[in-house]
PDB file of all heavy atoms in Angstrom:
ATOM      1  N   LYS A   1      95.045 111.378  94.799  1.00  0.00           N
ATOM      2  CA  LYS A   1      93.925 110.961  95.654  1.00  0.00           C
ATOM      3  C   LYS A   1      94.074 109.511  96.012  1.00  0.00           C
ATOM      4  O   LYS A   1      94.360 108.662  95.151  1.00  0.00           O
ATOM      5  CB  LYS A   1      92.594 111.195  94.948  1.00  0.00           C
ATOM      6  CG  LYS A   1      92.162 112.644  94.847  1.00  0.00           C
ATOM      7  CD  LYS A   1      90.751 112.735  94.261  1.00  0.00           C
ATOM      8  CE  LYS A   1      90.222 114.150  94.315  1.00  0.00           C
ATOM      9  NZ  LYS A   1      88.846 114.237  93.761  1.00  0.00           N
ATOM     10  N   ASN A   2      93.874 109.186  97.278  1.00  0.00           N
ATOM     11  CA  ASN A   2      93.969 107.808  97.740  1.00  0.00           C
ATOM     12  C   ASN A   2      93.265 107.708  99.074  1.00  0.00           C
ATOM     13  O   ASN A   2      93.870 107.852 100.136  1.00  0.00           O
ATOM     14  CB  ASN A   2      95.436 107.368  97.856  1.00  0.00           C
ATOM     15  CG  ASN A   2      95.557 105.905  98.253  1.00  0.00           C
ATOM     16  OD1 ASN A   2      94.558 105.199  98.380  1.00  0.00           O
ATOM     17  ND2 ASN A   2      96.781 105.458  98.451  1.00  0.00           N
ATOM     18  N   ASN A   3      91.975 107.470  99.037  1.00  0.00           N
ATOM     19  CA  ASN A   3      91.163 107.492 100.257  1.00  0.00           C
ATOM     20  C   ASN A   3      90.911 106.063 100.713  1.00  0.00           C
ATOM     21  O   ASN A   3      89.791 105.569 100.673  1.00  0.00           O
ATOM     22  CB  ASN A   3      89.845 108.218  99.952  1.00  0.00           C
ATOM     23  CG  ASN A   3      89.129 108.621 101.231  1.00  0.00           C
ATOM     24  OD1 ASN A   3      89.684 108.519 102.310  1.00  0.00           O
ATOM     25  ND2 ASN A   3      87.901 109.054 101.109  1.00  0.00           N
ATOM     26  N   THR A   4      91.983 105.394 101.167  1.00  0.00           N
ATOM     27  CA  THR A   4      91.892 103.973 101.542  1.00  0.00           C
ATOM     28  C   THR A   4      92.372 103.760 102.964  1.00  0.00           C
ATOM     29  O   THR A   4      93.127 102.828 103.246  1.00  0.00           O
ATOM     30  CB  THR A   4      92.711 103.111 100.565  1.00  0.00           C
ATOM     31  OG1 THR A   4      94.056 103.586 100.524  1.00  0.00           O
ATOM     32  CG2 THR A   4      92.130 103.115  99.176  1.00  0.00           C
ATOM     33  N   GLY A   5      91.974 104.622 103.856  1.00  0.00           N
ATOM     34  CA  GLY A   5      92.339 104.437 105.261  1.00  0.00           C
ATOM     35  C   GLY A   5      93.473 105.336 105.687  1.00  0.00           C
ATOM     36  O   GLY A   5      93.765 106.365 105.053  1.00  0.00           O
ATOM     37  N   VAL A   6      94.120 104.969 106.779  1.00  0.00           N
ATOM     38  CA  VAL A   6      95.161 105.802 107.387  1.00  0.00           C
ATOM     39  C   VAL A   6      96.298 106.043 106.386  1.00  0.00           C
ATOM     40  O   VAL A   6      96.800 105.088 105.750  1.00  0.00           O
ATOM     41  CB  VAL A   6      95.721 105.133 108.655  1.00  0.00           C
ATOM     42  CG1 VAL A   6      96.883 105.931 109.206  1.00  0.00           C
ATOM     43  CG2 VAL A   6      94.610 105.002 109.700  1.00  0.00           C
ATOM     44  N   ASP A   7      96.716 107.279 106.253  1.00  0.00           N
ATOM     45  CA  ASP A   7      97.819 107.655 105.345  1.00  0.00           C
ATOM     46  C   ASP A   7      99.136 107.464 106.098  1.00  0.00           C
ATOM     47  O   ASP A   7      99.605 108.388 106.777  1.00  0.00           O
ATOM     48  CB  ASP A   7      97.629 109.091 104.899  1.00  0.00           C
ATOM     49  CG  ASP A   7      98.623 109.498 103.809  1.00  0.00           C
ATOM     50  OD1 ASP A   7      99.547 108.708 103.530  1.00  0.00           O
ATOM     51  OD2 ASP A   7      98.489 110.605 103.256  1.00  0.00           O
ATOM     52  N   LEU A   8      99.730 106.266 106.016  1.00  0.00           N
ATOM     53  CA  LEU A   8     100.965 105.985 106.739  1.00  0.00           C
ATOM     54  C   LEU A   8     102.109 106.911 106.328  1.00  0.00           C
ATOM     55  O   LEU A   8     103.001 107.201 107.139  1.00  0.00           O
ATOM     56  CB  LEU A   8     101.372 104.532 106.518  1.00  0.00           C
ATOM     57  CG  LEU A   8     100.473 103.453 107.128  1.00  0.00           C
ATOM     58  CD1 LEU A   8     100.947 102.079 106.744  1.00  0.00           C
ATOM     59  CD2 LEU A   8     100.405 103.596 108.639  1.00  0.00           C
ATOM     60  N   ARG A   9     102.062 107.364 105.068  1.00  0.00           N
ATOM     61  CA  ARG A   9     103.112 108.284 104.595  1.00  0.00           C
ATOM     62  C   ARG A   9     103.283 109.471 105.545  1.00  0.00           C
ATOM     63  O   ARG A   9     104.412 109.871 105.846  1.00  0.00           O
ATOM     64  CB  ARG A   9     102.702 108.783 103.200  1.00  0.00           C
ATOM     65  CG  ARG A   9     103.403 109.981 102.660  1.00  0.00           C
ATOM     66  CD  ARG A   9     102.721 110.470 101.405  1.00  0.00           C
ATOM     67  NE  ARG A   9     101.286 110.639 101.615  1.00  0.00           N
ATOM     68  CZ  ARG A   9     100.537 111.532 100.962  1.00  0.00           C
ATOM     69  NH1 ARG A   9     101.061 112.326 100.061  1.00  0.00           N
ATOM     70  NH2 ARG A   9      99.240 111.620 101.201  1.00  0.00           N
ATOM     71  N   GLN A  10     102.180 109.999 106.044  1.00  0.00           N
ATOM     72  CA  GLN A  10     102.272 111.195 106.882  1.00  0.00           C
ATOM     73  C   GLN A  10     102.912 110.912 108.236  1.00  0.00           C
ATOM     74  O   GLN A  10     103.443 111.821 108.871  1.00  0.00           O
ATOM     75  CB  GLN A  10     100.875 111.810 107.079  1.00  0.00           C
ATOM     76  CG  GLN A  10     100.251 112.348 105.792  1.00  0.00           C
ATOM     77  CD  GLN A  10     101.020 113.512 105.199  1.00  0.00           C
ATOM     78  OE1 GLN A  10     101.828 114.160 105.871  1.00  0.00           O
ATOM     79  NE2 GLN A  10     100.766 113.800 103.920  1.00  0.00           N
ATOM     80  N   LEU A  11     102.872 109.645 108.687  1.00  0.00           N
ATOM     81  CA  LEU A  11     103.513 109.315 109.965  1.00  0.00           C
ATOM     82  C   LEU A  11     105.026 109.460 109.878  1.00  0.00           C
ATOM     83  O   LEU A  11     105.675 109.830 110.871  1.00  0.00           O
ATOM     84  CB  LEU A  11     103.173 107.886 110.377  1.00  0.00           C
ATOM     85  CG  LEU A  11     101.717 107.579 110.736  1.00  0.00           C
ATOM     86  CD1 LEU A  11     101.576 106.118 111.126  1.00  0.00           C
ATOM     87  CD2 LEU A  11     101.238 108.471 111.891  1.00  0.00           C
ATOM     88  N   PHE A  12     105.581 109.165 108.698  1.00  0.00           N
ATOM     89  CA  PHE A  12     107.044 109.212 108.575  1.00  0.00           C
ATOM     90  C   PHE A  12     107.557 110.630 108.296  1.00  0.00           C
ATOM     91  O   PHE A  12     108.706 110.934 108.600  1.00  0.00           O
ATOM     92  CB  PHE A  12     107.495 108.268 107.450  1.00  0.00           C
ATOM     93  CG  PHE A  12     107.248 106.829 107.764  1.00  0.00           C
ATOM     94  CD1 PHE A  12     106.124 106.180 107.280  1.00  0.00           C
ATOM     95  CD2 PHE A  12     108.114 106.119 108.581  1.00  0.00           C
ATOM     96  CE1 PHE A  12     105.886 104.848 107.585  1.00  0.00           C
ATOM     97  CE2 PHE A  12     107.873 104.792 108.886  1.00  0.00           C
ATOM     98  CZ  PHE A  12     106.754 104.144 108.388  1.00  0.00           C
ATOM     99  N   ILE A  13     106.704 111.480 107.731  1.00  0.00           N
ATOM    100  CA  ILE A  13     107.122 112.865 107.484  1.00  0.00           C
ATOM    101  C   ILE A  13     107.158 113.604 108.820  1.00  0.00           C
ATOM    102  O   ILE A  13     106.170 113.716 109.532  1.00  0.00           O
ATOM    103  CB  ILE A  13     106.150 113.567 106.517  1.00  0.00           C
ATOM    104  CG1 ILE A  13     106.089 112.817 105.174  1.00  0.00           C
ATOM    105  CG2 ILE A  13     106.562 115.026 106.300  1.00  0.00           C
ATOM    106  CD1 ILE A  13     105.055 113.357 104.199  1.00  0.00           C
ATOM    107  N   GLY A  14     108.329 114.076 109.177  1.00  0.00           N
ATOM    108  CA  GLY A  14     108.502 114.763 110.461  1.00  0.00           C
ATOM    109  C   GLY A  14     108.834 113.851 111.614  1.00  0.00           C
ATOM    110  O   GLY A  14     108.943 114.325 112.756  1.00  0.00           O
ATOM    111  N   SER A  15     109.041 112.561 111.384  1.00  0.00           N
ATOM    112  CA  SER A  15     109.295 111.623 112.493  1.00  0.00           C
ATOM    113  C   SER A  15     110.766 111.541 112.860  1.00  0.00           C
ATOM    114  O   SER A  15     111.134 110.806 113.774  1.00  0.00           O
ATOM    115  CB  SER A  15     108.777 110.229 112.151  1.00  0.00           C
ATOM    116  OG  SER A  15     109.526 109.667 111.082  1.00  0.00           O
ATOM    117  N   GLU A  16     111.630 112.258 112.163  1.00  0.00           N
ATOM    118  CA  GLU A  16     113.052 112.375 112.491  1.00  0.00           C
ATOM    119  C   GLU A  16     113.784 111.018 112.491  1.00  0.00           C
ATOM    120  O   GLU A  16     114.693 110.788 113.294  1.00  0.00           O
ATOM    121  CB  GLU A  16     113.268 113.101 113.819  1.00  0.00           C
ATOM    122  CG  GLU A  16     112.694 114.522 113.814  1.00  0.00           C
ATOM    123  CD  GLU A  16     113.051 115.328 115.056  1.00  0.00           C
ATOM    124  OE1 GLU A  16     114.207 115.280 115.492  1.00  0.00           O
ATOM    125  OE2 GLU A  16     112.151 115.990 115.591  1.00  0.00           O
ATOM    126  N   GLY A  17     113.374 110.134 111.591  1.00  0.00           N
ATOM    127  CA  GLY A  17     114.070 108.865 111.474  1.00  0.00           C
ATOM    128  C   GLY A  17     113.869 107.909 112.619  1.00  0.00           C
ATOM    129  O   GLY A  17     114.629 106.937 112.767  1.00  0.00           O
ATOM    130  N   THR A  18     112.854 108.095 113.420  1.00  0.00           N
ATOM    131  CA  THR A  18     112.613 107.237 114.572  1.00  0.00           C
ATOM    132  C   THR A  18     111.694 106.070 114.248  1.00  0.00           C
ATOM    133  O   THR A  18     111.608 105.105 115.026  1.00  0.00           O
ATOM    134  CB  THR A  18     112.019 108.015 115.743  1.00  0.00           C
ATOM    135  OG1 THR A  18     110.764 108.580 115.346  1.00  0.00           O
ATOM    136  CG2 THR A  18     112.966 109.128 116.201  1.00  0.00           C
ATOM    137  N   LEU A  19     110.956 106.128 113.139  1.00  0.00           N
ATOM    138  CA  LEU A  19     109.987 105.084 112.794  1.00  0.00           C
ATOM    139  C   LEU A  19     110.417 104.238 111.604  1.00  0.00           C
ATOM    140  O   LEU A  19     110.012 103.095 111.455  1.00  0.00           O
ATOM    141  CB  LEU A  19     108.611 105.693 112.492  1.00  0.00           C
ATOM    142  CG  LEU A  19     107.974 106.543 113.597  1.00  0.00           C
ATOM    143  CD1 LEU A  19     106.606 107.042 113.138  1.00  0.00           C
ATOM    144  CD2 LEU A  19     107.854 105.750 114.900  1.00  0.00           C
ATOM    145  N   GLY A  20     111.226 104.804 110.707  1.00  0.00           N
ATOM    146  CA  GLY A  20     111.671 104.102 109.528  1.00  0.00           C
ATOM    147  C   GLY A  20     112.676 104.946 108.766  1.00  0.00           C
ATOM    148  O   GLY A  20     112.834 106.134 109.054  1.00  0.00           O
ATOM    149  N   VAL A  21     113.342 104.327 107.780  1.00  0.00           N
ATOM    150  CA  VAL A  21     114.344 105.025 106.981  1.00  0.00           C
ATOM    151  C   VAL A  21     113.712 105.362 105.626  1.00  0.00           C
ATOM    152  O   VAL A  21     113.348 104.469 104.868  1.00  0.00           O
ATOM    153  CB  VAL A  21     115.593 104.170 106.778  1.00  0.00           C
ATOM    154  CG1 VAL A  21     116.614 104.900 105.890  1.00  0.00           C
ATOM    155  CG2 VAL A  21     116.225 103.830 108.125  1.00  0.00           C
ATOM    156  N   ILE A  22     113.584 106.655 105.333  1.00  0.00           N
ATOM    157  CA  ILE A  22     113.067 107.092 104.042  1.00  0.00           C
ATOM    158  C   ILE A  22     114.153 106.866 102.998  1.00  0.00           C
ATOM    159  O   ILE A  22     115.284 107.315 103.166  1.00  0.00           O
ATOM    160  CB  ILE A  22     112.672 108.579 104.110  1.00  0.00           C
ATOM    161  CG1 ILE A  22     111.496 108.758 105.066  1.00  0.00           C
ATOM    162  CG2 ILE A  22     112.296 109.115 102.717  1.00  0.00           C
ATOM    163  CD1 ILE A  22     111.227 110.200 105.433  1.00  0.00           C
ATOM    164  N   THR A  23     113.802 106.146 101.919  1.00  0.00           N
ATOM    165  CA  THR A  23     114.782 105.843 100.882  1.00  0.00           C
ATOM    166  C   THR A  23     114.468 106.501  99.549  1.00  0.00           C
ATOM    167  O   THR A  23     115.372 106.647  98.712  1.00  0.00           O
ATOM    168  CB  THR A  23     114.902 104.320 100.674  1.00  0.00           C
ATOM    169  OG1 THR A  23     113.598 103.780 100.472  1.00  0.00           O
ATOM    170  CG2 THR A  23     115.545 103.666 101.898  1.00  0.00           C
ATOM    171  N   GLU A  24     113.208 106.895  99.343  1.00  0.00           N
ATOM    172  CA  GLU A  24     112.828 107.489  98.068  1.00  0.00           C
ATOM    173  C   GLU A  24     111.527 108.253  98.247  1.00  0.00           C
ATOM    174  O   GLU A  24     110.732 107.917  99.130  1.00  0.00           O
ATOM    175  CB  GLU A  24     112.645 106.384  97.010  1.00  0.00           C
ATOM    176  CG  GLU A  24     112.459 106.859  95.591  1.00  0.00           C
ATOM    177  CD  GLU A  24     112.431 105.688  94.623  1.00  0.00           C
ATOM    178  OE1 GLU A  24     111.335 105.104  94.443  1.00  0.00           O
ATOM    179  OE2 GLU A  24     113.511 105.321  94.068  1.00  0.00           O
ATOM    180  N   ALA A  25     111.316 109.279  97.422  1.00  0.00           N
ATOM    181  CA  ALA A  25     110.089 110.066  97.533  1.00  0.00           C
ATOM    182  C   ALA A  25     109.621 110.499  96.152  1.00  0.00           C
ATOM    183  O   ALA A  25     110.431 110.849  95.287  1.00  0.00           O
ATOM    184  CB  ALA A  25     110.327 111.293  98.415  1.00  0.00           C
TER     185      ALA A  25
END
């Protein structure tokens, strides 16, 4: 649970590497 505003994590999931490079999960 983390209800502190926009969940930026979800922007990168499914973004096909166009917004950032995922290095760890």
